[in-house]
């Protein structure tokens, strides 16, 4: 299962674990803005372990959870899913949707970095 197929709460918990790199259930609970019960957090962490998104290790009497993929790899997988689901696999369509959004506010530096990425992709023949 890809990160894009997680529930809203599972994604929130994954984000918290990514932020800590390794976290206890108590740390995750404290990091959530609108946290569910402690029992719910522990249950969702166990589900994420069962789905293969997290590993766990026992330190003393407390379990600590760590993502099985690096954040960048998980993000790339989720991004591919979004591209395929909403933009027919087209990066051009995704960019067009973003740039046509009146709330899209890219700085000059961001635009320069995007232009540099496009030039680098052209050199690689993509």
N, C-alpha and C. Protein backbone atom coordinates (compact mmCIF):
# COMPACT_ATOMS: atom_id res chain seq x y z
N UNK A 1 0.84 -1.19 0.00
CA UNK A 1 0.00 0.00 0.00
C UNK A 1 0.88 1.24 0.00
N UNK A 2 0.57 2.19 -0.84
CA UNK A 2 1.36 3.40 -0.93
C UNK A 2 0.89 4.40 0.12
N UNK A 3 1.75 5.38 0.46
CA UNK A 3 1.35 6.41 1.42
C UNK A 3 0.10 7.17 0.99
N UNK A 4 -0.15 7.25 -0.30
CA UNK A 4 -1.32 7.97 -0.79
C UNK A 4 -2.62 7.25 -0.42
N UNK A 5 -2.53 5.98 -0.08
CA UNK A 5 -3.71 5.19 0.24
C UNK A 5 -3.98 5.13 1.74
N UNK A 6 -3.31 5.96 2.51
CA UNK A 6 -3.53 6.00 3.95
C UNK A 6 -4.73 6.89 4.26
N UNK A 7 -5.36 6.61 5.39
CA UNK A 7 -6.45 7.48 5.84
C UNK A 7 -5.85 8.82 6.30
N UNK A 8 -6.72 9.79 6.49
CA UNK A 8 -6.26 11.11 6.94
C UNK A 8 -5.51 10.99 8.27
N UNK A 9 -6.04 10.23 9.20
CA UNK A 9 -5.40 10.08 10.52
C UNK A 9 -4.08 9.31 10.40
N UNK A 10 -4.05 8.29 9.56
CA UNK A 10 -2.80 7.55 9.35
C UNK A 10 -1.73 8.47 8.78
N UNK A 11 -2.10 9.33 7.83
CA UNK A 11 -1.13 10.29 7.27
C UNK A 11 -0.63 11.26 8.33
N UNK A 12 -1.53 11.73 9.19
CA UNK A 12 -1.12 12.63 10.26
C UNK A 12 -0.11 11.96 11.18
N UNK A 13 -0.36 10.73 11.51
CA UNK A 13 0.54 9.99 12.40
C UNK A 13 1.87 9.72 11.70
N UNK A 14 1.82 9.36 10.41
CA UNK A 14 3.07 9.17 9.68
C UNK A 14 3.87 10.46 9.64
N UNK A 15 3.20 11.59 9.42
CA UNK A 15 3.89 12.89 9.40
C UNK A 15 4.58 13.15 10.74
N UNK A 16 3.91 12.82 11.82
CA UNK A 16 4.50 13.02 13.15
C UNK A 16 5.73 12.13 13.33
N UNK A 17 5.63 10.87 12.93
CA UNK A 17 6.78 9.97 13.06
C UNK A 17 7.92 10.44 12.18
N UNK A 18 7.63 10.87 10.94
CA UNK A 18 8.67 11.41 10.07
C UNK A 18 9.36 12.61 10.72
N UNK A 19 8.59 13.47 11.37
CA UNK A 19 9.16 14.66 12.00
C UNK A 19 10.16 14.30 13.09
N UNK A 20 9.89 13.23 13.83
CA UNK A 20 10.79 12.80 14.89
C UNK A 20 11.87 11.84 14.38
N UNK A 21 11.66 11.25 13.22
CA UNK A 21 12.48 10.17 12.65
C UNK A 21 12.24 8.85 13.36
N UNK A 22 12.05 8.88 14.65
CA UNK A 22 11.64 7.72 15.44
C UNK A 22 10.87 8.28 16.63
N UNK A 23 9.69 7.73 16.90
CA UNK A 23 8.85 8.33 17.93
C UNK A 23 8.09 7.29 18.73
N UNK A 24 7.83 7.64 19.97
CA UNK A 24 6.97 6.82 20.82
C UNK A 24 5.52 7.24 20.56
N UNK A 25 4.59 6.44 21.02
CA UNK A 25 3.18 6.78 20.88
C UNK A 25 2.87 8.09 21.61
N UNK A 26 3.51 8.32 22.75
CA UNK A 26 3.29 9.57 23.50
C UNK A 26 3.78 10.77 22.71
N UNK A 27 4.93 10.66 22.05
CA UNK A 27 5.44 11.76 21.23
C UNK A 27 4.48 12.05 20.07
N UNK A 28 3.99 11.01 19.43
CA UNK A 28 3.05 11.17 18.33
C UNK A 28 1.79 11.87 18.83
N UNK A 29 1.26 11.41 19.95
CA UNK A 29 0.05 11.98 20.52
C UNK A 29 0.23 13.48 20.78
N UNK A 30 1.36 13.86 21.35
CA UNK A 30 1.62 15.27 21.65
C UNK A 30 1.80 16.11 20.38
N UNK A 31 2.25 15.49 19.30
CA UNK A 31 2.51 16.22 18.05
C UNK A 31 1.24 16.49 17.25
N UNK A 32 0.18 15.77 17.51
CA UNK A 32 -1.06 15.92 16.74
C UNK A 32 -1.86 17.11 17.23
N UNK A 33 -2.37 17.91 16.29
CA UNK A 33 -3.16 19.08 16.64
C UNK A 33 -4.50 18.72 17.25
N UNK A 34 -5.17 17.77 16.67
CA UNK A 34 -6.49 17.34 17.13
C UNK A 34 -6.42 15.85 17.42
N UNK A 35 -5.71 15.47 18.51
CA UNK A 35 -5.40 14.05 18.71
C UNK A 35 -6.61 13.21 19.10
N UNK A 36 -6.61 11.98 18.62
CA UNK A 36 -7.61 11.02 19.11
C UNK A 36 -7.15 10.53 20.48
N UNK A 37 -7.78 9.53 21.01
CA UNK A 37 -7.38 8.99 22.31
C UNK A 37 -6.02 8.31 22.20
N UNK A 38 -5.37 8.14 23.34
CA UNK A 38 -4.08 7.44 23.39
C UNK A 38 -4.21 6.03 22.81
N UNK A 39 -5.31 5.37 23.13
CA UNK A 39 -5.56 4.02 22.63
C UNK A 39 -5.67 4.02 21.11
N UNK A 40 -6.35 5.03 20.55
CA UNK A 40 -6.49 5.12 19.09
C UNK A 40 -5.14 5.33 18.42
N UNK A 41 -4.30 6.17 19.00
CA UNK A 41 -2.96 6.40 18.43
C UNK A 41 -2.18 5.10 18.42
N UNK A 42 -2.19 4.38 19.53
CA UNK A 42 -1.47 3.10 19.61
C UNK A 42 -2.03 2.09 18.59
N UNK A 43 -3.34 2.07 18.44
CA UNK A 43 -3.96 1.16 17.47
C UNK A 43 -3.53 1.51 16.05
N UNK A 44 -3.57 2.80 15.71
CA UNK A 44 -3.18 3.22 14.36
C UNK A 44 -1.70 2.95 14.12
N UNK A 45 -0.85 3.16 15.12
CA UNK A 45 0.57 2.83 14.97
C UNK A 45 0.75 1.34 14.68
N UNK A 46 -0.01 0.49 15.39
CA UNK A 46 0.08 -0.95 15.15
C UNK A 46 -0.38 -1.30 13.74
N UNK A 47 -1.47 -0.63 13.29
CA UNK A 47 -1.96 -0.86 11.92
C UNK A 47 -0.90 -0.46 10.90
N UNK A 48 -0.22 0.68 11.14
CA UNK A 48 0.83 1.13 10.22
C UNK A 48 2.01 0.16 10.20
N UNK A 49 2.29 -0.47 11.33
CA UNK A 49 3.32 -1.52 11.37
C UNK A 49 2.85 -2.70 10.53
N UNK A 50 1.60 -3.12 10.74
CA UNK A 50 1.04 -4.26 10.00
C UNK A 50 1.01 -4.01 8.49
N UNK A 51 0.78 -2.75 8.09
CA UNK A 51 0.75 -2.39 6.66
C UNK A 51 2.16 -2.25 6.08
N UNK A 52 3.17 -2.27 6.95
CA UNK A 52 4.54 -2.18 6.46
C UNK A 52 5.10 -0.77 6.36
N UNK A 53 4.39 0.22 6.89
CA UNK A 53 4.86 1.61 6.83
C UNK A 53 5.81 1.96 7.97
N UNK A 54 5.68 1.25 9.09
CA UNK A 54 6.51 1.51 10.26
C UNK A 54 7.13 0.22 10.77
N UNK A 55 8.27 0.37 11.44
CA UNK A 55 8.82 -0.73 12.23
C UNK A 55 8.74 -0.27 13.68
N UNK A 56 8.84 -1.22 14.58
CA UNK A 56 8.81 -0.85 15.99
C UNK A 56 9.94 -1.55 16.72
N UNK A 57 10.40 -0.90 17.80
CA UNK A 57 11.40 -1.53 18.66
C UNK A 57 11.09 -1.15 20.09
N UNK A 58 11.36 -2.08 20.96
CA UNK A 58 11.09 -1.90 22.37
C UNK A 58 12.31 -1.32 23.06
N UNK A 59 12.13 -0.21 23.76
CA UNK A 59 13.19 0.42 24.55
C UNK A 59 12.65 0.49 25.97
N UNK A 60 13.18 -0.35 26.83
CA UNK A 60 12.62 -0.44 28.18
C UNK A 60 11.22 -1.00 28.08
N UNK A 61 10.25 -0.21 28.51
CA UNK A 61 8.85 -0.64 28.44
C UNK A 61 8.07 0.10 27.36
N UNK A 62 8.78 0.90 26.55
CA UNK A 62 8.09 1.73 25.56
C UNK A 62 8.47 1.33 24.14
N UNK A 63 7.46 1.30 23.26
CA UNK A 63 7.70 1.03 21.84
C UNK A 63 8.01 2.33 21.11
N UNK A 64 8.99 2.24 20.23
CA UNK A 64 9.33 3.37 19.36
C UNK A 64 9.11 2.94 17.92
N UNK A 65 8.60 3.87 17.12
CA UNK A 65 8.22 3.58 15.75
C UNK A 65 9.07 4.39 14.79
N UNK A 66 9.44 3.74 13.68
CA UNK A 66 10.30 4.36 12.68
C UNK A 66 9.75 4.01 11.30
N UNK A 67 9.73 4.98 10.38
CA UNK A 67 9.24 4.69 9.02
C UNK A 67 10.13 3.65 8.32
N UNK A 68 9.51 2.83 7.50
CA UNK A 68 10.27 1.83 6.75
C UNK A 68 10.89 2.43 5.49
N UNK A 69 10.34 3.56 5.03
CA UNK A 69 10.89 4.27 3.87
C UNK A 69 11.33 5.65 4.30
N UNK A 70 12.32 6.18 3.60
CA UNK A 70 12.69 7.57 3.85
C UNK A 70 11.55 8.46 3.38
N UNK A 71 11.45 9.62 3.98
CA UNK A 71 10.35 10.54 3.67
C UNK A 71 10.31 10.87 2.18
N UNK A 72 11.47 11.06 1.57
CA UNK A 72 11.51 11.41 0.15
C UNK A 72 10.94 10.29 -0.71
N UNK A 73 11.31 9.04 -0.41
CA UNK A 73 10.81 7.90 -1.19
C UNK A 73 9.30 7.76 -1.00
N UNK A 74 8.82 7.95 0.22
CA UNK A 74 7.39 7.86 0.48
C UNK A 74 6.66 8.98 -0.27
N UNK A 75 7.25 10.17 -0.29
CA UNK A 75 6.65 11.30 -0.99
C UNK A 75 6.59 11.07 -2.49
N UNK A 76 7.65 10.50 -3.04
CA UNK A 76 7.66 10.22 -4.48
C UNK A 76 6.58 9.22 -4.85
N UNK A 77 6.43 8.20 -4.02
CA UNK A 77 5.40 7.19 -4.26
C UNK A 77 4.01 7.81 -4.19
N UNK A 78 3.77 8.65 -3.19
CA UNK A 78 2.46 9.31 -3.06
C UNK A 78 2.22 10.26 -4.22
N UNK A 79 3.27 10.97 -4.64
CA UNK A 79 3.14 11.93 -5.75
C UNK A 79 2.77 11.21 -7.04
N UNK A 80 3.42 10.06 -7.31
CA UNK A 80 3.08 9.28 -8.51
C UNK A 80 1.61 8.87 -8.48
N UNK A 81 1.14 8.48 -7.30
CA UNK A 81 -0.27 8.07 -7.17
C UNK A 81 -1.20 9.25 -7.47
N UNK A 82 -0.89 10.43 -6.94
CA UNK A 82 -1.69 11.63 -7.20
C UNK A 82 -1.67 11.97 -8.69
N UNK A 83 -0.46 11.94 -9.30
CA UNK A 83 -0.36 12.22 -10.74
C UNK A 83 -1.25 11.28 -11.54
N UNK A 84 -1.17 10.00 -11.23
CA UNK A 84 -1.95 9.01 -11.99
C UNK A 84 -3.45 9.15 -11.73
N UNK A 85 -3.83 9.43 -10.50
CA UNK A 85 -5.24 9.50 -10.13
C UNK A 85 -5.93 10.76 -10.66
N UNK A 86 -5.27 11.91 -10.51
CA UNK A 86 -5.93 13.17 -10.80
C UNK A 86 -5.48 13.85 -12.09
N UNK A 87 -4.32 13.47 -12.62
CA UNK A 87 -3.76 14.19 -13.77
C UNK A 87 -3.37 13.26 -14.91
N UNK A 88 -3.95 12.07 -14.94
CA UNK A 88 -3.69 11.10 -16.01
C UNK A 88 -2.19 10.84 -16.19
N UNK A 89 -1.45 10.91 -15.10
CA UNK A 89 -0.01 10.64 -15.16
C UNK A 89 0.80 11.79 -15.73
N UNK A 90 0.19 12.93 -15.97
CA UNK A 90 0.86 14.05 -16.63
C UNK A 90 1.36 15.09 -15.63
N UNK A 91 2.66 15.25 -15.57
CA UNK A 91 3.24 16.28 -14.74
C UNK A 91 2.85 17.66 -15.27
N UNK A 92 2.77 17.78 -16.59
CA UNK A 92 2.37 19.05 -17.20
C UNK A 92 0.98 19.46 -16.71
N UNK A 93 0.04 18.51 -16.69
CA UNK A 93 -1.31 18.81 -16.21
C UNK A 93 -1.31 19.20 -14.73
N UNK A 94 -0.48 18.55 -13.94
CA UNK A 94 -0.40 18.89 -12.52
C UNK A 94 0.15 20.30 -12.33
N UNK A 95 1.21 20.63 -13.06
CA UNK A 95 1.76 21.99 -12.99
C UNK A 95 0.73 23.02 -13.45
N UNK A 96 0.04 22.73 -14.55
CA UNK A 96 -0.96 23.66 -15.07
C UNK A 96 -2.05 23.90 -14.03
N UNK A 97 -2.48 22.84 -13.35
CA UNK A 97 -3.50 23.00 -12.31
C UNK A 97 -2.97 23.86 -11.17
N UNK A 98 -1.73 23.63 -10.79
CA UNK A 98 -1.15 24.40 -9.68
C UNK A 98 -1.00 25.87 -10.06
N UNK A 99 -0.44 26.12 -11.24
CA UNK A 99 -0.19 27.50 -11.65
C UNK A 99 -1.46 28.28 -11.95
N UNK A 100 -2.54 27.58 -12.29
CA UNK A 100 -3.80 28.28 -12.57
C UNK A 100 -4.57 28.60 -11.28
N UNK A 101 -4.12 28.06 -10.17
CA UNK A 101 -4.75 28.31 -8.87
C UNK A 101 -4.36 29.72 -8.40
N UNK A 102 -5.34 30.53 -8.09
CA UNK A 102 -5.05 31.91 -7.68
C UNK A 102 -4.30 31.96 -6.34
N UNK A 103 -4.33 30.89 -5.59
CA UNK A 103 -3.60 30.83 -4.31
C UNK A 103 -2.15 30.39 -4.48
N UNK A 104 -1.79 29.94 -5.67
CA UNK A 104 -0.41 29.51 -5.93
C UNK A 104 0.48 30.75 -5.93
N UNK A 105 1.36 30.81 -5.00
CA UNK A 105 2.22 31.98 -4.86
C UNK A 105 3.67 31.51 -4.84
N UNK A 106 4.28 31.46 -6.01
CA UNK A 106 5.67 31.02 -6.11
C UNK A 106 6.60 32.23 -6.10
N UNK A 107 7.63 32.12 -5.31
CA UNK A 107 8.61 33.22 -5.27
C UNK A 107 9.49 33.15 -6.52
N UNK A 108 10.21 34.22 -6.75
CA UNK A 108 11.14 34.26 -7.88
C UNK A 108 12.20 33.17 -7.73
N UNK A 109 12.67 32.94 -6.51
CA UNK A 109 13.67 31.88 -6.27
C UNK A 109 13.10 30.50 -6.60
N UNK A 110 11.84 30.25 -6.22
CA UNK A 110 11.22 28.96 -6.53
C UNK A 110 11.09 28.78 -8.04
N UNK A 111 10.70 29.82 -8.73
CA UNK A 111 10.58 29.74 -10.18
C UNK A 111 11.94 29.47 -10.84
N UNK A 112 13.00 30.09 -10.33
CA UNK A 112 14.35 29.84 -10.85
C UNK A 112 14.77 28.40 -10.61
N UNK A 113 14.46 27.87 -9.41
CA UNK A 113 14.82 26.48 -9.12
C UNK A 113 14.05 25.52 -10.02
N UNK A 114 12.76 25.80 -10.27
CA UNK A 114 11.98 24.96 -11.18
C UNK A 114 12.56 25.00 -12.59
N UNK A 115 12.94 26.19 -13.05
CA UNK A 115 13.53 26.32 -14.38
C UNK A 115 14.84 25.53 -14.46
N UNK A 116 15.62 25.56 -13.39
CA UNK A 116 16.88 24.80 -13.37
C UNK A 116 16.61 23.30 -13.40
N UNK A 117 15.58 22.85 -12.70
CA UNK A 117 15.23 21.43 -12.73
C UNK A 117 14.79 21.00 -14.12
N UNK A 118 14.05 21.86 -14.80
CA UNK A 118 13.60 21.55 -16.16
C UNK A 118 14.81 21.48 -17.11
N UNK A 119 15.74 22.43 -16.97
CA UNK A 119 16.96 22.38 -17.81
C UNK A 119 17.75 21.10 -17.55
N UNK A 120 17.88 20.71 -16.28
CA UNK A 120 18.62 19.49 -15.95
C UNK A 120 17.93 18.25 -16.53
N UNK A 121 16.59 18.23 -16.50
CA UNK A 121 15.85 17.10 -17.06
C UNK A 121 16.05 17.03 -18.58
N UNK A 122 16.09 18.19 -19.24
CA UNK A 122 16.34 18.21 -20.69
C UNK A 122 17.72 17.63 -21.01
N UNK A 123 18.72 17.98 -20.22
CA UNK A 123 20.08 17.48 -20.44
C UNK A 123 20.13 15.97 -20.27
N UNK A 124 19.33 15.44 -19.35
CA UNK A 124 19.30 13.98 -19.14
C UNK A 124 18.45 13.27 -20.19
N UNK A 125 17.76 14.06 -21.02
CA UNK A 125 16.96 13.47 -22.09
C UNK A 125 15.59 13.03 -21.66
N UNK A 126 15.08 13.60 -20.57
CA UNK A 126 13.74 13.19 -20.09
C UNK A 126 12.66 14.00 -20.72
